[in-house]
Amino acid sequence: MRRVSQAPERLSPSQGHMLAGEINNHAGNLEAGIMGYEEQMRPVIAKLQKAPPLIRTILAPQTAWGLWVRNRIFAFVAWSRILKFTQKYFASAFASSDKFGLPEYEWVT
């Protein structure tokens, strides 16, 4: 089975729930359960893996000058406490929401 996500730590609880539910729905056919799981998770992972334009360039510059500029910007942001201000007043804008939701499964006990 190929790796589906680049950031499994963000998806672990939902992945476990969906994998168990899909295997349960396809009792006796593990391969079908895994395929069902992949169909459920593929849209979620595709959405979460999209990065805004230039984010990789900003966070991982390719030159010494780029590294210097990035590090100075991060140092200024940390020194000026801009993040503390933005978190205090704008934290709710960045709060996670239940965009994707979890499917309901009928569990066999």
Protein backbone atom coordinates (compact mmCIF):
# COMPACT_ATOMS: atom_id res chain seq x y z
CA MET A 1 0.00 0.00 0.00
CA ARG A 2 1.40 3.40 -0.90
CA ARG A 3 1.62 6.27 1.53
CA VAL A 4 -1.34 8.60 1.09
CA SER A 5 -0.44 11.55 3.30
CA GLN A 6 2.60 13.76 3.76
CA ALA A 7 1.37 14.91 7.19
CA PRO A 8 -0.02 11.87 9.01
CA GLU A 9 0.11 13.51 12.43
CA ARG A 10 -2.70 15.89 11.42
CA LEU A 11 -4.96 13.12 10.18
CA SER A 12 -4.22 10.21 12.50
CA PRO A 13 -7.48 10.11 14.52
CA SER A 14 -9.71 10.47 11.48
CA GLN A 15 -7.61 8.01 9.49
CA GLY A 16 -7.93 5.36 12.17
CA HIS A 17 -11.70 5.85 12.41
CA MET A 18 -12.20 5.70 8.65
CA LEU A 19 -9.88 2.73 8.13
CA ALA A 20 -11.60 0.70 10.85
CA GLY A 21 -15.04 1.68 9.54
CA GLU A 22 -14.23 0.77 5.94
CA ILE A 23 -12.70 -2.58 6.92
CA ASN A 24 -15.80 -3.25 9.03
CA ASN A 25 -18.10 -2.35 6.10
CA HIS A 26 -16.24 -4.76 3.82
CA ALA A 27 -16.10 -7.64 6.29
CA GLY A 28 -14.07 -10.50 4.92
CA ASN A 29 -12.49 -8.44 2.13
CA LEU A 30 -9.53 -6.46 3.46
CA GLU A 31 -8.50 -5.19 0.04
CA ALA A 32 -11.97 -3.72 -0.61
CA GLY A 33 -11.89 -2.09 2.84
CA ILE A 34 -8.55 -0.46 2.12
CA MET A 35 -9.78 0.75 -1.27
CA GLY A 36 -12.89 2.22 0.40
CA TYR A 37 -10.65 3.95 2.93
CA GLU A 38 -8.51 5.42 0.16
CA GLU A 39 -11.61 6.71 -1.65
CA GLN A 40 -12.76 8.41 1.58
CA MET A 41 -9.38 9.94 2.41
CA ARG A 42 -8.18 11.01 -1.04
CA PRO A 43 -10.23 14.30 -1.18
CA VAL A 44 -9.25 15.22 2.39
CA ILE A 45 -5.56 14.67 1.76
CA ALA A 46 -5.63 16.45 -1.59
CA LYS A 47 -7.15 19.51 0.09
CA LEU A 48 -4.67 19.51 3.00
CA GLN A 49 -1.60 19.06 0.81
CA LYS A 50 -2.25 22.16 -1.27
CA ALA A 51 0.23 24.85 -0.29
CA PRO A 52 -0.28 28.52 -1.07
CA PRO A 53 1.89 29.84 -3.91
CA LEU A 54 5.49 30.62 -2.93
CA ILE A 55 5.17 29.08 0.55
CA ARG A 56 7.80 26.45 -0.20
CA THR A 57 10.07 29.08 -1.71
CA ILE A 58 9.75 31.29 1.35
CA LEU A 59 10.20 28.53 3.91
CA ALA A 60 12.97 26.67 2.06
CA PRO A 61 15.07 29.16 0.11
CA GLN A 62 17.73 27.81 -2.23
CA THR A 63 20.50 30.37 -1.66
CA ALA A 64 22.55 31.59 1.29
CA TRP A 65 21.11 35.07 0.80
CA GLY A 66 17.56 33.65 0.85
CA LEU A 67 18.30 31.77 4.07
CA TRP A 68 19.71 34.94 5.64
CA VAL A 69 16.64 36.99 4.67
CA ARG A 70 14.23 34.29 5.91
CA ASN A 71 16.05 33.94 9.21
CA ARG A 72 16.09 37.72 9.76
CA ILE A 73 12.36 37.93 9.07
CA PHE A 74 11.62 35.09 11.50
CA ALA A 75 13.90 36.67 14.11
CA PHE A 76 12.10 40.01 13.76
CA VAL A 77 8.69 38.37 14.04
CA ALA A 78 9.78 36.52 17.19
CA TRP A 79 11.44 39.61 18.71
CA SER A 80 8.56 41.99 17.97
CA ARG A 81 5.90 39.65 19.38
CA ILE A 82 3.71 40.14 16.33
CA LEU A 83 2.54 36.55 16.64
CA LYS A 84 1.37 37.11 20.21
CA PHE A 85 -0.74 40.05 19.05
CA THR A 86 -2.22 38.22 16.08
CA GLN A 87 -2.97 35.12 18.12
CA LYS A 88 -4.73 37.18 20.75
CA TYR A 89 -7.05 38.95 18.33
CA PHE A 90 -7.25 36.66 15.32
CA ALA A 91 -6.95 33.15 16.75
CA SER A 92 -10.57 32.28 15.99
CA ALA A 93 -9.96 32.93 12.29
CA PHE A 94 -7.39 30.13 12.26
CA ALA A 95 -9.37 27.67 14.37
CA SER A 96 -9.94 24.30 12.82
CA SER A 97 -13.40 23.46 11.66
CA ASP A 98 -15.17 20.27 10.77
CA LYS A 99 -14.92 20.82 7.01
CA PHE A 100 -14.67 17.18 6.13
CA GLY A 101 -16.53 15.46 8.94
CA LEU A 102 -16.33 11.78 9.77
CA PRO A 103 -18.64 9.28 8.12
CA GLU A 104 -20.97 7.31 10.35
CA TYR A 105 -20.29 3.60 10.48
CA GLU A 106 -22.41 0.82 11.91
CA TRP A 107 -20.11 -1.01 14.30
CA VAL A 108 -20.40 -4.72 14.92
CA THR A 109 -19.96 -5.59 18.59
